[in-house]
Amino acid sequence: MYDLQFDATQQPTDHVVEDKGVKILIDRKSLLYLAGTELDFSDGLNGKGFQFKNPNASRTCGCGESFAV
């Protein structure tokens, strides 16, 4: 399951991704499952919100929040 949270501190083992001034911290264990994942935002007619596009997922649920590798 994807879990996004605000984090006040960066751990030494965190992987940092920065895009357009936004820093995303990913813990070492999660990085294995998220490598190559894109985070997209949609506000179209089919729904609004963030969508994860994970090339490592072998299947996903209908809500887009959980996946299997």
N, C-alpha and C. Protein backbone atom coordinates (compact mmCIF):
# COMPACT_ATOMS: atom_id res chain seq x y z
N MET A 1 0.84 -1.18 0.00
CA MET A 1 0.00 0.00 0.00
C MET A 1 0.89 1.24 0.00
N TYR A 2 0.50 2.23 -0.76
CA TYR A 2 1.23 3.49 -0.79
C TYR A 2 0.84 4.32 0.42
N ASP A 3 1.82 4.97 1.05
CA ASP A 3 1.56 5.79 2.23
C ASP A 3 2.40 7.05 2.13
N LEU A 4 1.74 8.18 1.93
CA LEU A 4 2.43 9.47 1.85
C LEU A 4 2.24 10.21 3.17
N GLN A 5 3.32 10.78 3.67
CA GLN A 5 3.26 11.55 4.91
C GLN A 5 4.23 12.71 4.82
N PHE A 6 3.95 13.76 5.58
CA PHE A 6 4.91 14.83 5.73
C PHE A 6 5.95 14.37 6.74
N ASP A 7 7.22 14.69 6.48
CA ASP A 7 8.30 14.26 7.36
C ASP A 7 9.16 15.47 7.71
N ALA A 8 9.39 15.66 8.98
CA ALA A 8 10.16 16.83 9.44
C ALA A 8 11.67 16.58 9.40
N THR A 9 12.08 15.33 9.44
CA THR A 9 13.51 15.03 9.46
C THR A 9 13.87 14.01 8.39
N GLN A 10 15.05 14.17 7.85
CA GLN A 10 15.58 13.25 6.85
C GLN A 10 16.53 12.29 7.54
N GLN A 11 16.33 10.99 7.35
CA GLN A 11 17.21 9.98 7.92
C GLN A 11 18.41 9.77 7.01
N PRO A 12 19.55 9.37 7.56
CA PRO A 12 20.75 9.16 6.74
C PRO A 12 20.56 8.11 5.64
N THR A 13 19.65 7.17 5.85
CA THR A 13 19.44 6.10 4.86
C THR A 13 18.34 6.43 3.86
N ASP A 14 17.69 7.59 3.98
CA ASP A 14 16.63 7.98 3.05
C ASP A 14 17.20 8.32 1.68
N HIS A 15 16.49 7.91 0.65
CA HIS A 15 16.81 8.31 -0.72
C HIS A 15 16.00 9.56 -1.02
N VAL A 16 16.64 10.58 -1.57
CA VAL A 16 15.97 11.86 -1.81
C VAL A 16 15.75 12.05 -3.31
N VAL A 17 14.52 12.34 -3.68
CA VAL A 17 14.17 12.69 -5.06
C VAL A 17 13.60 14.10 -5.00
N GLU A 18 14.11 14.99 -5.85
CA GLU A 18 13.60 16.36 -5.87
C GLU A 18 13.17 16.71 -7.28
N ASP A 19 11.97 17.27 -7.38
CA ASP A 19 11.43 17.68 -8.67
C ASP A 19 10.65 18.97 -8.48
N LYS A 20 11.01 19.99 -9.23
CA LYS A 20 10.33 21.29 -9.18
C LYS A 20 10.25 21.85 -7.77
N GLY A 21 11.33 21.67 -7.00
CA GLY A 21 11.42 22.22 -5.66
C GLY A 21 10.77 21.38 -4.57
N VAL A 22 10.20 20.23 -4.93
CA VAL A 22 9.57 19.36 -3.94
C VAL A 22 10.49 18.18 -3.67
N LYS A 23 10.83 17.98 -2.39
CA LYS A 23 11.67 16.85 -2.00
C LYS A 23 10.78 15.70 -1.54
N ILE A 24 11.12 14.52 -2.03
CA ILE A 24 10.42 13.30 -1.62
C ILE A 24 11.47 12.38 -0.99
N LEU A 25 11.21 11.96 0.24
CA LEU A 25 12.10 11.05 0.95
C LEU A 25 11.54 9.64 0.87
N ILE A 26 12.40 8.70 0.49
CA ILE A 26 11.97 7.30 0.36
C ILE A 26 12.91 6.45 1.21
N ASP A 27 12.34 5.67 2.13
CA ASP A 27 13.20 4.82 2.95
C ASP A 27 13.79 3.70 2.10
N ARG A 28 14.89 3.15 2.57
CA ARG A 28 15.67 2.18 1.79
C ARG A 28 14.84 0.95 1.38
N LYS A 29 14.03 0.42 2.28
CA LYS A 29 13.23 -0.78 1.96
C LYS A 29 12.19 -0.48 0.88
N SER A 30 11.53 0.65 0.97
CA SER A 30 10.49 1.01 0.01
C SER A 30 11.06 1.30 -1.38
N LEU A 31 12.30 1.77 -1.42
CA LEU A 31 12.92 2.11 -2.69
C LEU A 31 12.95 0.92 -3.64
N LEU A 32 13.13 -0.27 -3.10
CA LEU A 32 13.15 -1.48 -3.94
C LEU A 32 11.84 -1.69 -4.68
N TYR A 33 10.73 -1.34 -4.04
CA TYR A 33 9.40 -1.53 -4.63
C TYR A 33 8.97 -0.34 -5.50
N LEU A 34 9.58 0.82 -5.28
CA LEU A 34 9.14 2.04 -5.96
C LEU A 34 10.05 2.48 -7.10
N ALA A 35 11.14 1.77 -7.35
CA ALA A 35 12.07 2.16 -8.41
C ALA A 35 11.33 2.30 -9.74
N GLY A 36 11.44 3.45 -10.35
CA GLY A 36 10.81 3.70 -11.64
C GLY A 36 9.38 4.20 -11.55
N THR A 37 8.84 4.33 -10.35
CA THR A 37 7.45 4.76 -10.17
C THR A 37 7.29 6.25 -10.46
N GLU A 38 6.22 6.61 -11.13
CA GLU A 38 5.90 8.01 -11.39
C GLU A 38 4.65 8.38 -10.58
N LEU A 39 4.68 9.57 -10.01
CA LEU A 39 3.53 10.09 -9.27
C LEU A 39 2.90 11.16 -10.14
N ASP A 40 1.64 10.97 -10.47
CA ASP A 40 0.93 11.88 -11.37
C ASP A 40 -0.29 12.44 -10.65
N PHE A 41 -0.70 13.63 -11.03
CA PHE A 41 -1.92 14.22 -10.49
C PHE A 41 -2.90 14.42 -11.62
N SER A 42 -4.12 13.98 -11.42
CA SER A 42 -5.16 14.10 -12.43
C SER A 42 -6.33 14.87 -11.85
N ASP A 43 -6.89 15.76 -12.65
CA ASP A 43 -8.12 16.43 -12.22
C ASP A 43 -9.15 16.38 -13.33
N GLY A 44 -9.17 15.25 -14.02
CA GLY A 44 -10.10 15.06 -15.13
C GLY A 44 -11.47 14.59 -14.69
N LEU A 45 -12.29 14.24 -15.64
CA LEU A 45 -13.65 13.81 -15.37
C LEU A 45 -13.72 12.45 -14.68
N ASN A 46 -12.69 11.63 -14.87
CA ASN A 46 -12.69 10.28 -14.28
C ASN A 46 -12.19 10.25 -12.85
N GLY A 47 -11.93 11.38 -12.27
CA GLY A 47 -11.47 11.42 -10.88
C GLY A 47 -10.33 12.39 -10.71
N LYS A 48 -10.21 12.88 -9.49
CA LYS A 48 -9.15 13.81 -9.16
C LYS A 48 -8.27 13.20 -8.09
N GLY A 49 -6.99 13.51 -8.17
CA GLY A 49 -6.08 13.06 -7.13
C GLY A 49 -4.79 12.53 -7.70
N PHE A 50 -3.96 12.02 -6.79
CA PHE A 50 -2.68 11.46 -7.18
C PHE A 50 -2.85 10.04 -7.66
N GLN A 51 -2.03 9.69 -8.64
CA GLN A 51 -2.06 8.34 -9.20
C GLN A 51 -0.61 7.85 -9.31
N PHE A 52 -0.36 6.64 -8.82
CA PHE A 52 0.97 6.04 -8.91
C PHE A 52 1.03 5.17 -10.15
N LYS A 53 2.08 5.36 -10.93
CA LYS A 53 2.32 4.51 -12.11
C LYS A 53 3.59 3.72 -11.81
N ASN A 54 3.40 2.49 -11.31
CA ASN A 54 4.51 1.66 -10.84
C ASN A 54 4.78 0.53 -11.83
N PRO A 55 5.94 0.56 -12.52
CA PRO A 55 6.25 -0.49 -13.48
C PRO A 55 6.56 -1.84 -12.81
N ASN A 56 6.78 -1.85 -11.49
CA ASN A 56 7.10 -3.08 -10.77
C ASN A 56 5.86 -3.84 -10.32
N ALA A 57 4.69 -3.21 -10.39
CA ALA A 57 3.46 -3.83 -9.91
C ALA A 57 2.95 -4.86 -10.91
N SER A 58 2.75 -6.09 -10.43
CA SER A 58 2.23 -7.13 -11.31
C SER A 58 0.70 -7.04 -11.39
N ARG A 59 0.08 -6.49 -10.34
CA ARG A 59 -1.36 -6.23 -10.36
C ARG A 59 -1.67 -5.15 -9.34
N THR A 60 -2.78 -4.44 -9.57
CA THR A 60 -3.20 -3.37 -8.67
C THR A 60 -4.67 -3.53 -8.35
N CYS A 61 -5.10 -2.85 -7.29
CA CYS A 61 -6.52 -2.88 -6.95
C CYS A 61 -7.23 -1.78 -7.73
N GLY A 62 -8.53 -1.79 -7.71
CA GLY A 62 -9.31 -0.79 -8.44
C GLY A 62 -9.16 0.61 -7.92
N CYS A 63 -8.85 0.75 -6.63
CA CYS A 63 -8.72 2.10 -6.05
C CYS A 63 -7.35 2.69 -6.32
N GLY A 64 -6.38 1.89 -6.74
CA GLY A 64 -5.05 2.40 -7.06
C GLY A 64 -4.16 2.62 -5.85
N GLU A 65 -4.57 2.13 -4.68
CA GLU A 65 -3.77 2.35 -3.48
C GLU A 65 -2.88 1.18 -3.11
N SER A 66 -3.21 -0.02 -3.53
CA SER A 66 -2.37 -1.16 -3.19
C SER A 66 -1.98 -1.90 -4.45
N PHE A 67 -0.89 -2.69 -4.32
CA PHE A 67 -0.34 -3.39 -5.48
C PHE A 67 0.42 -4.63 -5.02
N ALA A 68 0.72 -5.51 -5.96
CA ALA A 68 1.52 -6.69 -5.69
C ALA A 68 2.69 -6.70 -6.66
N VAL A 69 3.83 -7.22 -6.19
CA VAL A 69 5.02 -7.32 -7.06
C VAL A 69 5.39 -8.76 -7.26
